[in-house]
Protein backbone atom coordinates (compact mmCIF):
# COMPACT_ATOMS: atom_id res chain seq x y z
CA MET A 1 -6.28 6.49 -10.07
CA LEU A 2 -5.97 5.44 -6.44
CA MET A 3 -6.95 1.86 -5.68
CA ASN A 4 -6.26 -0.90 -3.20
CA MET A 5 -3.66 -3.56 -3.87
CA ALA A 6 -6.08 -6.48 -4.09
CA ASP A 7 -7.97 -4.82 -6.95
CA LEU A 8 -4.79 -3.71 -8.71
CA LEU A 9 -3.20 -7.16 -8.48
CA ALA A 10 -6.38 -8.90 -9.61
CA VAL A 11 -6.10 -7.06 -12.95
CA ALA A 12 -2.37 -7.79 -13.15
CA ASN A 13 -2.96 -11.47 -12.41
CA LYS A 14 -5.74 -11.76 -14.98
CA ASN A 15 -3.60 -10.08 -17.66
CA TYR A 16 -0.26 -11.65 -16.72
CA PHE A 17 1.82 -8.60 -15.84
CA ALA A 18 3.84 -7.53 -12.83
CA VAL A 19 3.36 -4.37 -10.78
CA PRO A 20 6.48 -2.85 -9.26
CA ALA A 21 6.52 -1.64 -5.66
CA PHE A 22 8.81 1.24 -4.78
CA ASN A 23 9.75 2.22 -1.25
CA ILE A 24 10.12 5.97 -1.17
CA SER A 25 11.55 8.44 1.29
CA ASP A 26 11.46 11.81 -0.49
CA TYR A 27 9.75 13.89 -3.17
CA SER A 28 12.51 13.37 -5.74
CA MET A 29 12.00 9.62 -5.63
CA LEU A 30 8.23 10.06 -5.78
CA ASN A 31 8.35 12.37 -8.80
CA GLY A 32 10.82 10.13 -10.63
CA ILE A 33 8.76 7.02 -10.03
CA PHE A 34 5.55 8.68 -11.23
CA GLU A 35 7.31 10.13 -14.28
CA ALA A 36 8.80 6.76 -15.30
CA SER A 37 5.53 4.91 -14.67
CA GLU A 38 3.53 7.40 -16.71
CA GLU A 39 6.09 7.19 -19.53
CA LYS A 40 5.71 3.39 -19.58
CA ASN A 41 1.97 3.48 -18.85
CA ALA A 42 2.63 1.11 -15.94
CA PRO A 43 0.68 0.84 -12.68
CA LEU A 44 2.62 1.14 -9.46
CA ILE A 45 2.66 0.48 -5.77
CA ILE A 46 4.12 3.15 -3.52
CA ALA A 47 5.36 1.33 -0.42
CA ILE A 48 6.19 3.19 2.75
CA HIS A 49 7.78 1.56 5.78
CA PRO A 50 6.82 2.98 9.21
CA ASP A 51 10.38 4.30 9.65
CA GLU A 52 10.08 6.09 6.29
CA LEU A 53 6.68 7.44 7.33
CA LYS A 54 8.26 9.01 10.43
CA PHE A 55 10.83 10.65 8.16
CA ILE A 56 8.51 11.92 5.40
CA GLY A 57 5.45 12.61 7.55
CA VAL A 58 1.80 12.21 6.69
CA GLU A 59 1.93 15.46 4.69
CA MET A 60 3.82 13.62 1.96
CA VAL A 61 1.20 10.88 1.96
CA LYS A 62 -1.36 13.56 1.12
CA ALA A 63 0.84 14.63 -1.82
CA ILE A 64 1.05 11.01 -3.00
CA ILE A 65 -2.73 10.70 -2.84
CA GLU A 66 -3.11 13.91 -4.83
CA LYS A 67 -0.68 12.64 -7.50
CA ALA A 68 -2.52 9.31 -7.64
CA TYR A 69 -5.84 11.06 -8.29
CA LYS A 70 -4.28 13.14 -11.07
CA THR A 71 -2.80 10.22 -13.02
CA LYS A 72 -4.65 7.74 -15.21
CA LEU A 73 -2.43 4.96 -13.88
CA PRO A 74 -3.58 2.60 -11.14
CA VAL A 75 -1.69 3.50 -7.95
CA CYS A 76 -1.69 1.80 -4.57
CA ILE A 77 -0.23 3.33 -1.40
CA HIS A 78 0.99 0.52 0.81
CA LEU A 79 2.17 0.42 4.43
CA ASP A 80 5.15 -1.91 4.29
CA HIS A 81 5.80 -4.02 7.41
CA GLY A 82 3.56 -2.29 9.92
CA ALA A 83 4.85 -3.31 13.35
CA ASP A 84 1.63 -3.02 15.33
CA PHE A 85 -2.07 -2.37 15.07
CA ASN A 86 -1.72 1.35 15.85
CA GLN A 87 0.68 1.87 12.93
CA VAL A 88 -1.76 0.14 10.61
CA ILE A 89 -4.70 2.25 11.81
CA LEU A 90 -2.66 5.45 11.44
CA ALA A 91 -1.86 4.46 7.85
CA ILE A 92 -5.49 3.71 7.06
CA GLN A 93 -6.62 7.01 8.60
CA ASN A 94 -4.12 8.85 6.43
CA GLY A 95 -5.22 7.36 3.11
CA PHE A 96 -3.15 4.22 2.58
CA THR A 97 -5.07 1.79 0.37
CA SER A 98 -3.12 -1.30 1.41
CA VAL A 99 -1.37 -2.39 4.60
CA MET A 100 0.86 -5.14 5.90
CA ILE A 101 1.07 -6.19 9.52
CA ASP A 102 4.35 -7.89 10.31
CA GLY A 103 3.71 -10.16 13.29
CA SER A 104 6.62 -12.44 12.48
CA ALA A 105 8.35 -11.73 15.80
CA LEU A 106 5.22 -12.64 17.76
CA PRO A 107 4.24 -16.07 18.98
CA PHE A 108 2.20 -17.88 16.32
CA GLU A 109 -1.21 -17.44 18.00
CA GLU A 110 -0.61 -13.72 18.62
CA ASN A 111 0.47 -13.29 15.01
CA ILE A 112 -2.78 -14.86 13.82
CA ALA A 113 -4.83 -12.74 16.23
CA ILE A 114 -3.29 -9.42 15.12
CA CYS A 115 -3.61 -10.39 11.45
CA LYS A 116 -7.32 -11.08 11.93
CA LYS A 117 -7.76 -7.77 13.75
CA VAL A 118 -5.99 -5.87 10.95
CA VAL A 119 -7.98 -7.63 8.22
CA GLU A 120 -11.25 -6.81 9.98
CA ALA A 121 -10.37 -3.12 10.40
CA ALA A 122 -8.90 -2.71 6.91
CA HIS A 123 -11.66 -4.47 5.01
CA ALA A 124 -14.29 -2.33 6.74
CA VAL A 125 -12.91 0.64 4.75
CA ASN A 126 -11.90 -1.16 1.51
CA VAL A 127 -8.20 -1.29 2.36
CA SER A 128 -6.45 -4.46 1.29
CA VAL A 129 -4.05 -6.43 3.47
CA GLU A 130 -0.82 -7.84 2.03
CA GLY A 131 -0.95 -11.57 1.83
CA GLU A 132 -4.50 -11.71 0.51
CA LEU A 133 -5.03 -13.61 -2.67
CA PRO A 134 -6.55 -11.43 -5.40
CA ASN A 135 -9.98 -12.43 -6.65
CA ARG A 136 -9.66 -14.67 -9.68
CA GLU A 137 -12.23 -14.61 -12.42
């Protein structure tokens, strides 16, 4: 079951459990992570750094999405440390359900501005942004 990180973590927070995030770079890692998670009935976050995305290509993201739809487990596909707005938009267009913009090298005001821009774009299509607080009930 594919879902965004905010929704996944809201359930985890409410029920006091952790959700592991795994950075992957090939199909063997992906298959092993899904197999172990299904064995333990544990939700998971698949994190992909932009450098990893260049290596694996968006074709693998499509395979991850397909696996996520076939499992009963909650799965989030997360862009880890997106370096700029274009990387974030590319991730969103290719099915990521969560993104992070890393503006830490930017001046403070620019960091805030790009974060706001990413949040606006991501939320318009129900993609969560790392750093958001999950809704608490």
